[in-house]
Amino acid sequence: MKETRKKPIWLTEIDISKTLDKDAQAIYLEEVLREGFSHPSVNGIMLWTTLHPKGCYEMCLTDNDFRNLPAGDVVDKLLQE
């Protein structure tokens, strides 16, 4: 068990369901990011939040005018910590 904790982990294609409202998405995103970054084996996290004129696949960080949505505010806040 001890050896498996030394293997690097990348969390990729992180997204939060669009069935939740934007504020709930932000809450869940913050929880996922904090848990991921606090794990000693996690070397990186990649979000899956591609901007598209017709809307994002699930969760957007910004609107079409590049203004932060609640999830974008969470990312900016965590980057400042």
N, C-alpha and C. Protein backbone atom coordinates (compact mmCIF):
# COMPACT_ATOMS: atom_id res chain seq x y z
N MET A 1 0.83 -1.19 0.00
CA MET A 1 0.00 0.00 0.00
C MET A 1 0.87 1.25 0.00
N LYS A 2 1.92 1.24 0.77
CA LYS A 2 2.78 2.41 0.88
C LYS A 2 3.38 2.79 -0.47
N GLU A 3 3.76 1.80 -1.28
CA GLU A 3 4.37 2.07 -2.58
C GLU A 3 3.39 2.75 -3.54
N THR A 4 2.11 2.42 -3.47
CA THR A 4 1.15 3.01 -4.41
C THR A 4 0.99 4.51 -4.17
N ARG A 5 1.26 4.98 -2.98
CA ARG A 5 1.13 6.40 -2.69
C ARG A 5 2.24 7.22 -3.33
N LYS A 6 3.28 6.57 -3.81
CA LYS A 6 4.38 7.28 -4.43
C LYS A 6 4.18 7.48 -5.93
N LYS A 7 3.19 6.85 -6.51
CA LYS A 7 2.95 6.97 -7.94
C LYS A 7 2.25 8.30 -8.22
N PRO A 8 2.70 9.02 -9.26
CA PRO A 8 2.07 10.30 -9.58
C PRO A 8 0.67 10.11 -10.16
N ILE A 9 -0.20 11.01 -9.80
CA ILE A 9 -1.59 10.99 -10.27
C ILE A 9 -1.88 12.32 -10.95
N TRP A 10 -2.55 12.26 -12.08
CA TRP A 10 -3.08 13.45 -12.75
C TRP A 10 -4.59 13.30 -12.78
N LEU A 11 -5.30 14.30 -12.30
CA LEU A 11 -6.76 14.33 -12.42
C LEU A 11 -7.06 15.08 -13.71
N THR A 12 -7.67 14.40 -14.66
CA THR A 12 -7.90 15.02 -15.97
C THR A 12 -9.38 15.05 -16.31
N GLU A 13 -9.72 15.98 -17.17
CA GLU A 13 -11.07 16.15 -17.69
C GLU A 13 -12.09 16.35 -16.56
N ILE A 14 -11.69 17.15 -15.57
CA ILE A 14 -12.58 17.47 -14.45
C ILE A 14 -13.70 18.37 -14.97
N ASP A 15 -14.91 18.01 -14.68
CA ASP A 15 -16.08 18.78 -15.09
C ASP A 15 -17.17 18.54 -14.05
N ILE A 16 -18.08 19.48 -13.93
CA ILE A 16 -19.19 19.36 -12.99
C ILE A 16 -20.48 19.43 -13.79
N SER A 17 -21.40 18.56 -13.50
CA SER A 17 -22.63 18.40 -14.27
C SER A 17 -23.41 19.71 -14.44
N LYS A 18 -23.92 19.90 -15.65
CA LYS A 18 -24.74 21.09 -15.91
C LYS A 18 -26.16 20.93 -15.38
N THR A 19 -26.47 19.77 -14.79
CA THR A 19 -27.78 19.62 -14.15
C THR A 19 -27.85 20.44 -12.86
N LEU A 20 -26.70 20.87 -12.36
CA LEU A 20 -26.63 21.73 -11.18
C LEU A 20 -26.62 23.19 -11.61
N ASP A 21 -27.10 24.08 -10.74
CA ASP A 21 -27.00 25.50 -11.08
C ASP A 21 -25.54 25.95 -10.94
N LYS A 22 -25.24 27.12 -11.47
CA LYS A 22 -23.85 27.60 -11.54
C LYS A 22 -23.21 27.76 -10.15
N ASP A 23 -23.99 28.15 -9.16
CA ASP A 23 -23.44 28.28 -7.81
C ASP A 23 -23.09 26.91 -7.22
N ALA A 24 -23.95 25.92 -7.45
CA ALA A 24 -23.67 24.57 -6.96
C ALA A 24 -22.46 23.98 -7.68
N GLN A 25 -22.35 24.24 -8.99
CA GLN A 25 -21.17 23.78 -9.73
C GLN A 25 -19.89 24.32 -9.09
N ALA A 26 -19.92 25.60 -8.74
CA ALA A 26 -18.74 26.23 -8.13
C ALA A 26 -18.38 25.58 -6.80
N ILE A 27 -19.38 25.27 -6.00
CA ILE A 27 -19.15 24.63 -4.70
C ILE A 27 -18.50 23.27 -4.89
N TYR A 28 -19.05 22.47 -5.79
CA TYR A 28 -18.48 21.14 -6.04
C TYR A 28 -17.10 21.23 -6.67
N LEU A 29 -16.90 22.17 -7.58
CA LEU A 29 -15.58 22.33 -8.19
C LEU A 29 -14.53 22.66 -7.13
N GLU A 30 -14.86 23.57 -6.23
CA GLU A 30 -13.90 23.92 -5.18
C GLU A 30 -13.56 22.70 -4.33
N GLU A 31 -14.56 21.90 -4.01
CA GLU A 31 -14.31 20.70 -3.20
C GLU A 31 -13.38 19.73 -3.94
N VAL A 32 -13.65 19.50 -5.22
CA VAL A 32 -12.82 18.59 -6.02
C VAL A 32 -11.39 19.11 -6.12
N LEU A 33 -11.24 20.41 -6.40
CA LEU A 33 -9.90 20.98 -6.55
C LEU A 33 -9.12 20.96 -5.24
N ARG A 34 -9.77 21.30 -4.14
CA ARG A 34 -9.07 21.28 -2.84
C ARG A 34 -8.65 19.86 -2.46
N GLU A 35 -9.54 18.90 -2.66
CA GLU A 35 -9.19 17.51 -2.36
C GLU A 35 -8.04 17.04 -3.24
N GLY A 36 -8.12 17.36 -4.52
CA GLY A 36 -7.07 16.95 -5.44
C GLY A 36 -5.72 17.54 -5.10
N PHE A 37 -5.68 18.85 -4.92
CA PHE A 37 -4.40 19.51 -4.63
C PHE A 37 -3.84 19.15 -3.26
N SER A 38 -4.69 18.70 -2.34
CA SER A 38 -4.19 18.34 -1.01
C SER A 38 -3.61 16.93 -0.98
N HIS A 39 -3.88 16.12 -1.99
CA HIS A 39 -3.35 14.76 -2.02
C HIS A 39 -1.88 14.79 -2.46
N PRO A 40 -0.99 14.18 -1.70
CA PRO A 40 0.44 14.28 -2.01
C PRO A 40 0.85 13.66 -3.34
N SER A 41 0.07 12.74 -3.87
CA SER A 41 0.44 12.10 -5.14
C SER A 41 -0.08 12.82 -6.37
N VAL A 42 -0.97 13.79 -6.18
CA VAL A 42 -1.53 14.50 -7.34
C VAL A 42 -0.50 15.51 -7.84
N ASN A 43 -0.07 15.32 -9.08
CA ASN A 43 0.91 16.22 -9.70
C ASN A 43 0.26 17.30 -10.55
N GLY A 44 -1.00 17.12 -10.90
CA GLY A 44 -1.66 18.13 -11.71
C GLY A 44 -3.14 17.84 -11.88
N ILE A 45 -3.87 18.89 -12.23
CA ILE A 45 -5.31 18.79 -12.46
C ILE A 45 -5.62 19.54 -13.74
N MET A 46 -6.39 18.91 -14.61
CA MET A 46 -6.81 19.56 -15.85
C MET A 46 -8.34 19.62 -15.88
N LEU A 47 -8.86 20.82 -16.11
CA LEU A 47 -10.30 20.99 -16.21
C LEU A 47 -10.76 20.75 -17.64
N TRP A 48 -11.99 20.32 -17.79
CA TRP A 48 -12.59 20.10 -19.10
C TRP A 48 -13.71 21.13 -19.25
N THR A 49 -13.32 22.35 -19.59
CA THR A 49 -14.29 23.45 -19.61
C THR A 49 -14.15 24.28 -20.88
N THR A 50 -14.10 23.60 -22.01
CA THR A 50 -13.88 24.28 -23.27
C THR A 50 -15.01 25.25 -23.58
N LEU A 51 -14.64 26.47 -23.95
CA LEU A 51 -15.62 27.48 -24.33
C LEU A 51 -16.11 27.21 -25.74
N HIS A 52 -17.40 27.32 -25.94
CA HIS A 52 -18.01 27.11 -27.25
C HIS A 52 -19.13 28.13 -27.39
N PRO A 53 -19.32 28.71 -28.58
CA PRO A 53 -20.37 29.72 -28.76
C PRO A 53 -21.76 29.25 -28.34
N LYS A 54 -22.03 27.96 -28.43
CA LYS A 54 -23.34 27.43 -28.05
C LYS A 54 -23.36 26.95 -26.60
N GLY A 55 -22.30 27.20 -25.88
CA GLY A 55 -22.24 26.79 -24.48
C GLY A 55 -21.23 25.69 -24.25
N CYS A 56 -20.84 25.53 -23.02
CA CYS A 56 -19.86 24.51 -22.67
C CYS A 56 -20.52 23.14 -22.62
N TYR A 57 -19.68 22.11 -22.65
CA TYR A 57 -20.20 20.74 -22.57
C TYR A 57 -20.96 20.54 -21.27
N GLU A 58 -20.37 20.89 -20.15
CA GLU A 58 -21.03 20.81 -18.86
C GLU A 58 -20.88 22.11 -18.08
N MET A 59 -19.67 22.39 -17.60
CA MET A 59 -19.43 23.55 -16.75
C MET A 59 -18.56 24.57 -17.48
N CYS A 60 -18.92 25.83 -17.40
CA CYS A 60 -18.12 26.91 -17.98
C CYS A 60 -17.45 27.70 -16.85
N LEU A 61 -16.25 28.18 -17.13
CA LEU A 61 -15.58 29.08 -16.18
C LEU A 61 -15.95 30.53 -16.47
N THR A 62 -16.25 30.83 -17.74
CA THR A 62 -16.62 32.19 -18.14
C THR A 62 -17.84 32.15 -19.05
N ASP A 63 -18.45 33.32 -19.22
CA ASP A 63 -19.52 33.41 -20.22
C ASP A 63 -18.88 33.70 -21.58
N ASN A 64 -19.68 33.91 -22.60
CA ASN A 64 -19.14 34.13 -23.95
C ASN A 64 -18.40 35.45 -24.09
N ASP A 65 -18.54 36.34 -23.12
CA ASP A 65 -17.79 37.61 -23.13
C ASP A 65 -16.58 37.53 -22.20
N PHE A 66 -16.22 36.32 -21.79
CA PHE A 66 -15.05 36.05 -20.94
C PHE A 66 -15.14 36.68 -19.55
N ARG A 67 -16.36 36.88 -19.07
CA ARG A 67 -16.57 37.30 -17.68
C ARG A 67 -16.71 36.04 -16.82
N ASN A 68 -16.05 36.04 -15.69
CA ASN A 68 -16.11 34.86 -14.83
C ASN A 68 -17.53 34.52 -14.42
N LEU A 69 -17.80 33.23 -14.44
CA LEU A 69 -18.98 32.67 -13.80
C LEU A 69 -18.52 32.20 -12.42
N PRO A 70 -19.43 31.74 -11.56
CA PRO A 70 -19.01 31.34 -10.21
C PRO A 70 -17.85 30.32 -10.20
N ALA A 71 -17.84 29.37 -11.13
CA ALA A 71 -16.74 28.39 -11.18
C ALA A 71 -15.42 29.08 -11.53
N GLY A 72 -15.45 30.06 -12.40
CA GLY A 72 -14.24 30.81 -12.73
C GLY A 72 -13.73 31.59 -11.54
N ASP A 73 -14.66 32.13 -10.74
CA ASP A 73 -14.25 32.84 -9.52
C ASP A 73 -13.55 31.89 -8.55
N VAL A 74 -14.04 30.65 -8.47
CA VAL A 74 -13.41 29.66 -7.59
C VAL A 74 -11.97 29.40 -8.04
N VAL A 75 -11.78 29.18 -9.34
CA VAL A 75 -10.43 28.90 -9.85
C VAL A 75 -9.51 30.08 -9.56
N ASP A 76 -9.96 31.29 -9.85
CA ASP A 76 -9.13 32.47 -9.58
C ASP A 76 -8.78 32.59 -8.10
N LYS A 77 -9.77 32.33 -7.23
CA LYS A 77 -9.53 32.42 -5.79
C LYS A 77 -8.49 31.40 -5.35
N LEU A 78 -8.61 30.17 -5.83
CA LEU A 78 -7.67 29.13 -5.42
C LEU A 78 -6.27 29.39 -5.96
N LEU A 79 -6.16 29.97 -7.13
CA LEU A 79 -4.85 30.30 -7.68
C LEU A 79 -4.14 31.38 -6.86
N GLN A 80 -4.90 32.20 -6.14
CA GLN A 80 -4.32 33.26 -5.32
C GLN A 80 -3.91 32.76 -3.93
N GLU A 81 -4.36 31.58 -3.54
CA GLU A 81 -4.04 31.05 -2.20
C GLU A 81 -2.64 30.48 -2.14
